Amino acid sequence: MRFPKSARITKAGEFSDLLRNGRRRNGSAVSICWRPGAGRRLGIAVSRKIKGSARKNRIKRVVREVFRTSPETFPLGDVIVIAKMGTDALTNHQIRKVVHDLLDR
């Protein structure tokens, strides 16, 4: 399954509105902010404190993979996954586990 444009949150206004008005769960390395809606859409934000585009892109790639392979674990609506400082030190498996753990709560 691909990650189509219709499943992405891309506009800055949508990001800021969701961050202001959405529900949030915080973890040590990742936070998730969501708002119920009709379909599933994903936005990914990576902290500026994580240096290097390769590290940031790896985190985004792993989160997109979690969304593609198991969309049923994500709530219906808009979801933003925020990677905090220190996420780049985790392995891909650990990032997947952290995201799944936050979604299962």
Protein backbone atom coordinates (compact mmCIF):
# COMPACT_ATOMS: atom_id res chain seq x y z
CA MET A 1 0.00 0.00 0.00
CA ARG A 2 1.25 3.47 -0.87
CA PHE A 3 1.09 6.67 1.16
CA PRO A 4 -1.17 8.78 -1.08
CA LYS A 5 -1.40 12.55 -0.89
CA SER A 6 -4.97 12.26 0.38
CA ALA A 7 -3.62 10.53 3.50
CA ARG A 8 -1.16 13.33 4.35
CA ILE A 9 -1.51 16.46 6.43
CA THR A 10 0.55 18.98 4.50
CA LYS A 11 -0.70 22.50 5.23
CA ALA A 12 0.83 24.52 8.06
CA GLY A 13 -2.61 25.76 9.11
CA GLU A 14 -3.88 22.21 9.53
CA PHE A 15 -0.81 21.31 11.59
CA SER A 16 -1.11 24.29 13.91
CA ASP A 17 -4.89 23.88 14.32
CA LEU A 18 -4.49 20.21 15.19
CA LEU A 19 -1.66 20.94 17.63
CA ARG A 20 -3.79 23.61 19.35
CA ASN A 21 -7.11 21.77 19.46
CA GLY A 22 -6.23 18.08 19.29
CA ARG A 23 -5.83 15.48 22.01
CA ARG A 24 -2.27 14.54 22.90
CA ARG A 25 -0.30 11.61 24.27
CA ASN A 26 3.32 12.15 25.24
CA GLY A 27 6.06 9.57 25.33
CA SER A 28 9.74 9.89 26.05
CA ALA A 29 10.79 10.05 22.39
CA VAL A 30 7.53 10.63 20.50
CA SER A 31 4.30 12.56 21.03
CA ILE A 32 1.05 11.94 19.20
CA CYS A 33 -1.64 14.54 18.66
CA TRP A 34 -4.98 13.59 17.05
CA ARG A 35 -8.49 14.77 16.32
CA PRO A 36 -11.35 12.46 15.30
CA GLY A 37 -12.55 12.67 11.71
CA ALA A 38 -13.85 10.68 8.77
CA GLY A 39 -10.66 9.25 7.23
CA ARG A 40 -7.13 8.59 8.40
CA ARG A 41 -4.52 11.24 7.65
CA LEU A 42 -0.96 11.45 8.96
CA GLY A 43 1.38 14.34 9.58
CA ILE A 44 4.96 13.97 10.80
CA ALA A 45 7.02 16.60 12.59
CA VAL A 46 10.64 16.10 13.62
CA SER A 47 12.34 18.31 16.19
CA ARG A 48 14.83 20.85 14.86
CA LYS A 49 17.20 19.70 17.58
CA ILE A 50 17.75 16.47 15.63
CA LYS A 51 20.57 17.41 13.30
CA GLY A 52 21.12 15.96 9.87
CA SER A 53 18.60 15.34 7.13
CA ALA A 54 19.43 11.63 6.93
CA ARG A 55 18.44 11.13 10.58
CA LYS A 56 15.23 13.14 10.19
CA ASN A 57 14.26 11.33 6.99
CA ARG A 58 14.87 7.92 8.57
CA ILE A 59 12.48 8.75 11.42
CA LYS A 60 9.83 9.98 8.97
CA ARG A 61 10.28 6.89 6.78
CA VAL A 62 9.79 4.54 9.74
CA VAL A 63 6.66 6.39 10.94
CA ARG A 64 5.19 6.32 7.41
CA GLU A 65 5.92 2.59 7.27
CA VAL A 66 4.01 2.04 10.52
CA PHE A 67 1.07 4.02 9.08
CA ARG A 68 1.13 2.07 5.79
CA THR A 69 1.50 -1.41 7.24
CA SER A 70 -0.97 -1.10 10.12
CA PRO A 71 -3.37 1.81 9.54
CA GLU A 72 -5.99 0.20 11.80
CA THR A 73 -3.85 1.00 14.86
CA PHE A 74 -4.20 4.73 14.11
CA PRO A 75 -7.45 6.41 15.23
CA LEU A 76 -9.88 7.62 12.57
CA GLY A 77 -9.14 11.26 11.87
CA ASP A 78 -6.03 13.41 11.66
CA VAL A 79 -2.90 12.30 13.51
CA ILE A 80 0.42 14.09 13.94
CA VAL A 81 3.45 12.16 15.16
CA ILE A 82 6.06 14.45 16.71
CA ALA A 83 9.58 13.05 17.05
CA LYS A 84 11.44 14.63 19.95
CA MET A 85 15.14 15.02 20.55
CA GLY A 86 16.71 11.62 21.14
CA THR A 87 14.50 9.74 18.70
CA ASP A 88 17.41 9.57 16.25
CA ALA A 89 19.34 7.41 18.74
CA LEU A 90 16.65 4.72 18.59
CA THR A 91 16.73 1.85 16.12
CA ASN A 92 13.97 1.47 13.54
CA HIS A 93 12.40 -1.35 15.58
CA GLN A 94 12.43 0.81 18.73
CA ILE A 95 10.76 3.72 16.90
CA ARG A 96 8.03 1.37 15.64
CA LYS A 97 7.52 0.02 19.16
CA VAL A 98 7.30 3.51 20.70
CA VAL A 99 4.69 4.60 18.15
CA HIS A 100 2.65 1.40 18.60
CA ASP A 101 2.80 1.72 22.40
CA LEU A 102 1.49 5.30 22.29
CA LEU A 103 -1.31 4.33 19.92
CA ASP A 104 -2.33 1.35 22.05
CA ARG A 105 -2.82 3.45 25.18
